[in-house]
Amino acid sequence: MVTRIYPYQLSYTQLNEGCTILYLNEEATEIPATGEKLPEGLRFGRKEARPGYAYTGEREDGGTAIYVADVTDDNRRAKFIAALVRKKYSADDMEAILLNGNDTPEHAAELEECQRYRRWAKDAIDDILSR
């Protein structure tokens, strides 16, 4: 995972047809003055310290790639959530987890972890779309 710091807030950007970059795990931070040692990943500096935003993801820019098609204003939230969940769980994995349900302690734990991740994905996308 890579963390990058920017002097402005990011949300998402469409890299190309079908690939969107999400800026997840946002943390408010301070960009130190240029004379001070800059944090790793910082691309900008100034004479005085100022507020900034850190993003952590798989890409060199701190973003996370998701693969979605046919995104519209009306379906953006649902498409982004589904794509983010699919980064962790394939369709086959999801089917197995849902069909297994909670018939054993191991299956119950898998189902709970999957639901926890999906809730996190929903919260993350809602945060991004509110920026």
N, C-alpha and C. Protein backbone atom coordinates (compact mmCIF):
# COMPACT_ATOMS: atom_id res chain seq x y z
N MET A 1 0.84 -1.18 0.00
CA MET A 1 0.00 0.00 0.00
C MET A 1 0.89 1.25 0.00
N VAL A 2 0.41 2.27 -0.67
CA VAL A 2 1.15 3.52 -0.83
C VAL A 2 0.32 4.66 -0.26
N THR A 3 0.95 5.54 0.50
CA THR A 3 0.28 6.72 1.01
C THR A 3 0.88 7.95 0.34
N ARG A 4 0.02 8.82 -0.16
CA ARG A 4 0.44 10.08 -0.77
C ARG A 4 -0.31 11.22 -0.11
N ILE A 5 0.35 12.35 -0.02
CA ILE A 5 -0.23 13.54 0.61
C ILE A 5 -0.42 14.61 -0.45
N TYR A 6 -1.58 15.25 -0.40
CA TYR A 6 -1.92 16.30 -1.37
C TYR A 6 -2.38 17.54 -0.61
N PRO A 7 -2.21 18.72 -1.22
CA PRO A 7 -2.66 19.96 -0.56
C PRO A 7 -4.15 20.21 -0.75
N TYR A 8 -4.83 19.30 -1.43
CA TYR A 8 -6.26 19.44 -1.69
C TYR A 8 -6.93 18.08 -1.54
N GLN A 9 -8.23 18.10 -1.36
CA GLN A 9 -9.00 16.88 -1.16
C GLN A 9 -9.31 16.22 -2.51
N LEU A 10 -9.17 14.90 -2.56
CA LEU A 10 -9.47 14.13 -3.77
C LEU A 10 -10.68 13.24 -3.52
N SER A 11 -11.33 12.79 -4.58
CA SER A 11 -12.44 11.85 -4.43
C SER A 11 -12.24 10.67 -5.38
N TYR A 12 -12.53 10.84 -6.65
CA TYR A 12 -12.32 9.78 -7.63
C TYR A 12 -12.07 10.42 -8.98
N THR A 13 -11.50 9.64 -9.88
CA THR A 13 -11.30 10.10 -11.24
C THR A 13 -11.39 8.91 -12.17
N GLN A 14 -11.94 9.12 -13.36
CA GLN A 14 -12.02 8.04 -14.33
C GLN A 14 -10.71 8.02 -15.10
N LEU A 15 -9.96 6.93 -14.95
CA LEU A 15 -8.67 6.80 -15.62
C LEU A 15 -8.87 6.52 -17.10
N ASN A 16 -9.73 5.59 -17.42
CA ASN A 16 -10.09 5.28 -18.80
C ASN A 16 -11.44 4.58 -18.80
N GLU A 17 -11.91 4.21 -19.96
CA GLU A 17 -13.21 3.52 -20.04
C GLU A 17 -13.16 2.23 -19.22
N GLY A 18 -13.94 2.20 -18.16
CA GLY A 18 -14.00 1.00 -17.34
C GLY A 18 -13.13 1.01 -16.10
N CYS A 19 -12.20 1.95 -15.98
CA CYS A 19 -11.32 1.99 -14.80
C CYS A 19 -11.45 3.34 -14.11
N THR A 20 -11.81 3.29 -12.84
CA THR A 20 -11.94 4.49 -12.02
C THR A 20 -10.98 4.38 -10.85
N ILE A 21 -10.35 5.49 -10.49
CA ILE A 21 -9.44 5.54 -9.35
C ILE A 21 -10.17 6.20 -8.18
N LEU A 22 -10.25 5.47 -7.07
CA LEU A 22 -10.86 5.98 -5.85
C LEU A 22 -9.75 6.42 -4.90
N TYR A 23 -9.96 7.50 -4.18
CA TYR A 23 -9.01 7.94 -3.17
C TYR A 23 -9.63 7.65 -1.81
N LEU A 24 -9.21 6.50 -1.26
CA LEU A 24 -9.76 5.95 -0.02
C LEU A 24 -8.88 6.29 1.17
N ASN A 25 -9.38 5.95 2.34
CA ASN A 25 -8.60 6.06 3.58
C ASN A 25 -8.08 7.47 3.80
N GLU A 26 -8.93 8.46 3.54
CA GLU A 26 -8.52 9.86 3.69
C GLU A 26 -8.20 10.18 5.14
N GLU A 27 -7.10 10.87 5.33
CA GLU A 27 -6.72 11.36 6.65
C GLU A 27 -6.28 12.80 6.52
N ALA A 28 -6.82 13.65 7.39
CA ALA A 28 -6.35 15.03 7.43
C ALA A 28 -4.94 15.02 7.99
N THR A 29 -4.07 15.83 7.41
CA THR A 29 -2.69 15.88 7.84
C THR A 29 -2.18 17.30 7.66
N GLU A 30 -0.96 17.52 8.04
CA GLU A 30 -0.35 18.83 7.83
C GLU A 30 0.85 18.68 6.92
N ILE A 31 0.92 19.55 5.94
CA ILE A 31 2.07 19.57 5.05
C ILE A 31 3.07 20.54 5.69
N PRO A 32 4.23 20.03 6.07
CA PRO A 32 5.20 20.91 6.73
C PRO A 32 5.78 21.94 5.77
N ALA A 33 6.41 22.95 6.34
CA ALA A 33 7.09 23.95 5.53
C ALA A 33 8.20 23.26 4.74
N THR A 34 8.54 23.82 3.58
CA THR A 34 9.53 23.21 2.69
C THR A 34 10.88 23.03 3.38
N GLY A 35 11.21 23.92 4.30
CA GLY A 35 12.49 23.80 4.99
C GLY A 35 12.57 22.60 5.91
N GLU A 36 11.40 22.05 6.28
CA GLU A 36 11.38 20.87 7.14
C GLU A 36 11.42 19.61 6.27
N LYS A 37 11.74 18.49 6.88
CA LYS A 37 11.75 17.23 6.16
C LYS A 37 10.31 16.88 5.77
N LEU A 38 10.09 16.66 4.48
CA LEU A 38 8.75 16.35 4.00
C LEU A 38 8.45 14.87 4.21
N PRO A 39 7.22 14.53 4.57
CA PRO A 39 6.85 13.12 4.72
C PRO A 39 7.03 12.36 3.41
N GLU A 40 7.29 11.06 3.51
CA GLU A 40 7.43 10.24 2.32
C GLU A 40 6.15 10.32 1.50
N GLY A 41 6.30 10.47 0.20
CA GLY A 41 5.15 10.53 -0.68
C GLY A 41 4.63 11.93 -0.93
N LEU A 42 5.15 12.92 -0.24
CA LEU A 42 4.68 14.29 -0.43
C LEU A 42 5.27 14.85 -1.71
N ARG A 43 4.42 15.42 -2.52
CA ARG A 43 4.87 15.95 -3.80
C ARG A 43 4.91 17.47 -3.82
N PHE A 44 4.40 18.10 -2.78
CA PHE A 44 4.30 19.56 -2.78
C PHE A 44 4.86 20.11 -1.47
N GLY A 45 5.42 21.29 -1.50
CA GLY A 45 5.90 21.94 -0.29
C GLY A 45 5.69 23.44 -0.38
N ARG A 46 5.74 24.13 0.77
CA ARG A 46 5.60 25.59 0.81
C ARG A 46 6.47 26.13 1.92
N LYS A 47 6.56 27.44 1.98
CA LYS A 47 7.36 28.07 3.02
C LYS A 47 6.76 27.90 4.40
N GLU A 48 5.43 27.83 4.48
CA GLU A 48 4.78 27.65 5.78
C GLU A 48 3.97 26.35 5.76
N ALA A 49 3.77 25.81 6.95
CA ALA A 49 2.98 24.58 7.07
C ALA A 49 1.53 24.89 6.69
N ARG A 50 0.84 23.87 6.18
CA ARG A 50 -0.56 24.05 5.83
C ARG A 50 -1.28 22.71 5.87
N PRO A 51 -2.61 22.74 5.90
CA PRO A 51 -3.38 21.50 5.95
C PRO A 51 -3.22 20.72 4.65
N GLY A 52 -3.36 19.41 4.75
CA GLY A 52 -3.30 18.54 3.58
C GLY A 52 -4.14 17.30 3.81
N TYR A 53 -4.14 16.43 2.82
CA TYR A 53 -4.92 15.19 2.87
C TYR A 53 -4.04 14.03 2.42
N ALA A 54 -4.07 12.96 3.18
CA ALA A 54 -3.31 11.75 2.85
C ALA A 54 -4.29 10.68 2.38
N TYR A 55 -3.89 9.95 1.34
CA TYR A 55 -4.68 8.85 0.79
C TYR A 55 -3.79 7.62 0.68
N THR A 56 -4.34 6.47 1.04
CA THR A 56 -3.60 5.22 0.99
C THR A 56 -4.31 4.25 0.08
N GLY A 57 -3.56 3.70 -0.88
CA GLY A 57 -4.12 2.75 -1.83
C GLY A 57 -3.02 1.95 -2.50
N GLU A 58 -3.40 1.17 -3.46
CA GLU A 58 -2.48 0.26 -4.15
C GLU A 58 -1.64 0.92 -5.23
N ARG A 59 -2.08 2.08 -5.70
CA ARG A 59 -1.38 2.74 -6.81
C ARG A 59 -0.32 3.71 -6.29
N GLU A 60 0.58 4.08 -7.16
CA GLU A 60 1.67 5.00 -6.81
C GLU A 60 1.15 6.35 -6.34
N ASP A 61 -0.04 6.75 -6.79
CA ASP A 61 -0.61 8.05 -6.38
C ASP A 61 -1.45 7.95 -5.12
N GLY A 62 -1.47 6.77 -4.47
CA GLY A 62 -2.26 6.58 -3.27
C GLY A 62 -3.71 6.20 -3.55
N GLY A 63 -4.06 6.04 -4.83
CA GLY A 63 -5.41 5.67 -5.21
C GLY A 63 -5.60 4.16 -5.28
N THR A 64 -6.85 3.77 -5.46
CA THR A 64 -7.23 2.37 -5.60
C THR A 64 -8.06 2.23 -6.87
N ALA A 65 -7.66 1.33 -7.76
CA ALA A 65 -8.36 1.14 -9.03
C ALA A 65 -9.54 0.19 -8.85
N ILE A 66 -10.67 0.59 -9.42
CA ILE A 66 -11.83 -0.31 -9.51
C ILE A 66 -12.22 -0.37 -10.98
N TYR A 67 -12.86 -1.44 -11.35
CA TYR A 67 -13.24 -1.63 -12.76
C TYR A 67 -14.75 -1.68 -12.86
N VAL A 68 -15.31 -0.66 -13.50
CA VAL A 68 -16.76 -0.52 -13.65
C VAL A 68 -17.06 -0.02 -15.06
N ALA A 69 -18.23 -0.38 -15.55
CA ALA A 69 -18.66 0.07 -16.87
C ALA A 69 -20.05 0.67 -16.75
N ASP A 70 -20.38 1.49 -17.72
CA ASP A 70 -21.73 2.07 -17.83
C ASP A 70 -22.16 2.80 -16.57
N VAL A 71 -21.26 3.60 -16.00
CA VAL A 71 -21.58 4.36 -14.80
C VAL A 71 -22.34 5.63 -15.19
N THR A 72 -23.43 5.87 -14.48
CA THR A 72 -24.22 7.10 -14.68
C THR A 72 -24.35 7.79 -13.32
N ASP A 73 -24.87 8.99 -13.32
CA ASP A 73 -25.11 9.68 -12.06
C ASP A 73 -26.06 8.88 -11.17
N ASP A 74 -27.02 8.21 -11.79
CA ASP A 74 -28.02 7.47 -11.03
C ASP A 74 -27.50 6.17 -10.42
N ASN A 75 -26.52 5.53 -11.06
CA ASN A 75 -26.05 4.23 -10.55
C ASN A 75 -24.63 4.25 -10.00
N ARG A 76 -24.02 5.44 -9.96
CA ARG A 76 -22.61 5.55 -9.56
C ARG A 76 -22.34 4.90 -8.19
N ARG A 77 -23.15 5.22 -7.20
CA ARG A 77 -22.93 4.69 -5.85
C ARG A 77 -22.97 3.17 -5.86
N ALA A 78 -24.01 2.59 -6.42
CA ALA A 78 -24.15 1.13 -6.44
C ALA A 78 -23.02 0.47 -7.23
N LYS A 79 -22.65 1.04 -8.37
CA LYS A 79 -21.57 0.46 -9.19
C LYS A 79 -20.23 0.53 -8.46
N PHE A 80 -19.94 1.67 -7.81
CA PHE A 80 -18.67 1.80 -7.09
C PHE A 80 -18.61 0.83 -5.90
N ILE A 81 -19.71 0.71 -5.16
CA ILE A 81 -19.73 -0.22 -4.02
C ILE A 81 -19.49 -1.64 -4.51
N ALA A 82 -20.22 -2.05 -5.54
CA ALA A 82 -20.08 -3.42 -6.06
C ALA A 82 -18.65 -3.67 -6.54
N ALA A 83 -18.06 -2.71 -7.23
CA ALA A 83 -16.70 -2.89 -7.74
C ALA A 83 -15.68 -2.96 -6.60
N LEU A 84 -15.88 -2.17 -5.57
CA LEU A 84 -14.96 -2.21 -4.43
C LEU A 84 -15.08 -3.55 -3.68
N VAL A 85 -16.29 -4.05 -3.53
CA VAL A 85 -16.48 -5.35 -2.89
C VAL A 85 -15.84 -6.45 -3.75
N ARG A 86 -15.96 -6.34 -5.07
CA ARG A 86 -15.38 -7.35 -5.97
C ARG A 86 -13.85 -7.36 -5.95
N LYS A 87 -13.24 -6.29 -5.48
CA LYS A 87 -11.78 -6.30 -5.34
C LYS A 87 -11.35 -7.34 -4.31
N LYS A 88 -12.19 -7.59 -3.33
CA LYS A 88 -11.85 -8.55 -2.28
C LYS A 88 -12.52 -9.91 -2.51
N TYR A 89 -13.74 -9.89 -3.01
CA TYR A 89 -14.52 -11.12 -3.16
C TYR A 89 -14.97 -11.29 -4.61
N SER A 90 -14.57 -12.39 -5.23
CA SER A 90 -15.05 -12.69 -6.58
C SER A 90 -16.53 -13.08 -6.50
N ALA A 91 -17.17 -13.15 -7.64
CA ALA A 91 -18.58 -13.57 -7.68
C ALA A 91 -18.71 -14.98 -7.11
N ASP A 92 -17.78 -15.86 -7.42
CA ASP A 92 -17.82 -17.23 -6.89
C ASP A 92 -17.66 -17.24 -5.38
N ASP A 93 -16.74 -16.42 -4.87
CA ASP A 93 -16.54 -16.33 -3.41
C ASP A 93 -17.81 -15.84 -2.73
N MET A 94 -18.42 -14.79 -3.30
CA MET A 94 -19.64 -14.24 -2.70
C MET A 94 -20.76 -15.27 -2.69
N GLU A 95 -20.91 -15.97 -3.80
CA GLU A 95 -21.97 -16.99 -3.87
C GLU A 95 -21.75 -18.07 -2.80
N ALA A 96 -20.54 -18.54 -2.67
CA ALA A 96 -20.24 -19.57 -1.68
C ALA A 96 -20.50 -19.06 -0.25
N ILE A 97 -20.04 -17.86 0.04
CA ILE A 97 -20.24 -17.29 1.39
C ILE A 97 -21.72 -17.14 1.70
N LEU A 98 -22.47 -16.61 0.74
CA LEU A 98 -23.91 -16.40 0.98
C LEU A 98 -24.67 -17.72 1.08
N LEU A 99 -24.34 -18.69 0.24
CA LEU A 99 -25.03 -19.97 0.29
C LEU A 99 -24.65 -20.78 1.52
N ASN A 100 -23.42 -20.66 1.97
CA ASN A 100 -23.01 -21.35 3.20
C ASN A 100 -23.72 -20.76 4.41
N GLY A 101 -23.99 -19.46 4.35
CA GLY A 101 -24.67 -18.82 5.47
C GLY A 101 -23.87 -18.95 6.75
N ASN A 102 -24.54 -19.32 7.82
CA ASN A 102 -23.85 -19.44 9.11
C ASN A 102 -24.07 -20.85 9.70
N ASP A 103 -24.01 -21.86 8.80
CA ASP A 103 -24.26 -23.22 9.24
C ASP A 103 -23.15 -23.82 10.10
N THR A 104 -21.96 -23.23 10.05
CA THR A 104 -20.87 -23.63 10.94
C THR A 104 -20.23 -22.36 11.49
N PRO A 105 -19.49 -22.47 12.57
CA PRO A 105 -18.81 -21.28 13.09
C PRO A 105 -17.87 -20.64 12.05
N GLU A 106 -17.18 -21.47 11.28
CA GLU A 106 -16.27 -20.94 10.25
C GLU A 106 -17.05 -20.17 9.18
N HIS A 107 -18.16 -20.73 8.72
CA HIS A 107 -18.98 -20.05 7.72
C HIS A 107 -19.60 -18.77 8.28
N ALA A 108 -20.02 -18.82 9.52
CA ALA A 108 -20.59 -17.63 10.15
C ALA A 108 -19.55 -16.51 10.22
N ALA A 109 -18.31 -16.87 10.53
CA ALA A 109 -17.23 -15.88 10.59
C ALA A 109 -16.95 -15.30 9.20
N GLU A 110 -16.95 -16.15 8.17
CA GLU A 110 -16.75 -15.67 6.79
C GLU A 110 -17.86 -14.71 6.39
N LEU A 111 -19.10 -15.07 6.72
CA LEU A 111 -20.23 -14.22 6.37
C LEU A 111 -20.16 -12.88 7.10
N GLU A 112 -19.82 -12.90 8.36
CA GLU A 112 -19.70 -11.66 9.13
C GLU A 112 -18.59 -10.77 8.57
N GLU A 113 -17.44 -11.37 8.22
CA GLU A 113 -16.33 -10.60 7.64
C GLU A 113 -16.75 -9.98 6.30
N CYS A 114 -17.44 -10.73 5.49
CA CYS A 114 -17.92 -10.24 4.20
C CYS A 114 -18.89 -9.07 4.41
N GLN A 115 -19.81 -9.21 5.36
CA GLN A 115 -20.76 -8.13 5.64
C GLN A 115 -20.05 -6.90 6.20
N ARG A 116 -19.05 -7.11 7.04
CA ARG A 116 -18.29 -5.99 7.60
C ARG A 116 -17.56 -5.24 6.48
N TYR A 117 -16.96 -6.00 5.56
CA TYR A 117 -16.25 -5.37 4.44
C TYR A 117 -17.24 -4.59 3.55
N ARG A 118 -18.40 -5.16 3.29
CA ARG A 118 -19.39 -4.47 2.46
C ARG A 118 -19.87 -3.19 3.13
N ARG A 119 -20.07 -3.22 4.45
CA ARG A 119 -20.46 -1.99 5.17
C ARG A 119 -19.35 -0.94 5.06
N TRP A 120 -18.08 -1.39 5.19
CA TRP A 120 -16.96 -0.47 5.04
C TRP A 120 -16.96 0.13 3.64
N ALA A 121 -17.17 -0.71 2.61
CA ALA A 121 -17.18 -0.23 1.22
C ALA A 121 -18.28 0.81 1.02
N LYS A 122 -19.46 0.57 1.57
CA LYS A 122 -20.56 1.54 1.46
C LYS A 122 -20.17 2.87 2.11
N ASP A 123 -19.62 2.79 3.31
CA ASP A 123 -19.21 4.02 4.01
C ASP A 123 -18.12 4.76 3.23
N ALA A 124 -17.16 4.00 2.69
CA ALA A 124 -16.05 4.62 1.93
C ALA A 124 -16.57 5.32 0.68
N ILE A 125 -17.47 4.67 -0.04
CA ILE A 125 -18.03 5.27 -1.26
C ILE A 125 -18.89 6.47 -0.91
N ASP A 126 -19.68 6.38 0.13
CA ASP A 126 -20.49 7.54 0.55
C ASP A 126 -19.60 8.73 0.89
N ASP A 127 -18.48 8.45 1.58
CA ASP A 127 -17.54 9.52 1.90
C ASP A 127 -16.95 10.14 0.64
N ILE A 128 -16.52 9.31 -0.29
CA ILE A 128 -15.93 9.80 -1.54
C ILE A 128 -16.93 10.64 -2.32
N LEU A 129 -18.16 10.16 -2.43
CA LEU A 129 -19.16 10.87 -3.23
C LEU A 129 -19.65 12.16 -2.57
N SER A 130 -19.38 12.31 -1.27
CA SER A 130 -19.78 13.54 -0.58
C SER A 130 -18.71 14.63 -0.67
N ARG A 131 -17.53 14.30 -1.17
CA ARG A 131 -16.44 15.30 -1.27
C ARG A 131 -16.65 16.24 -2.42
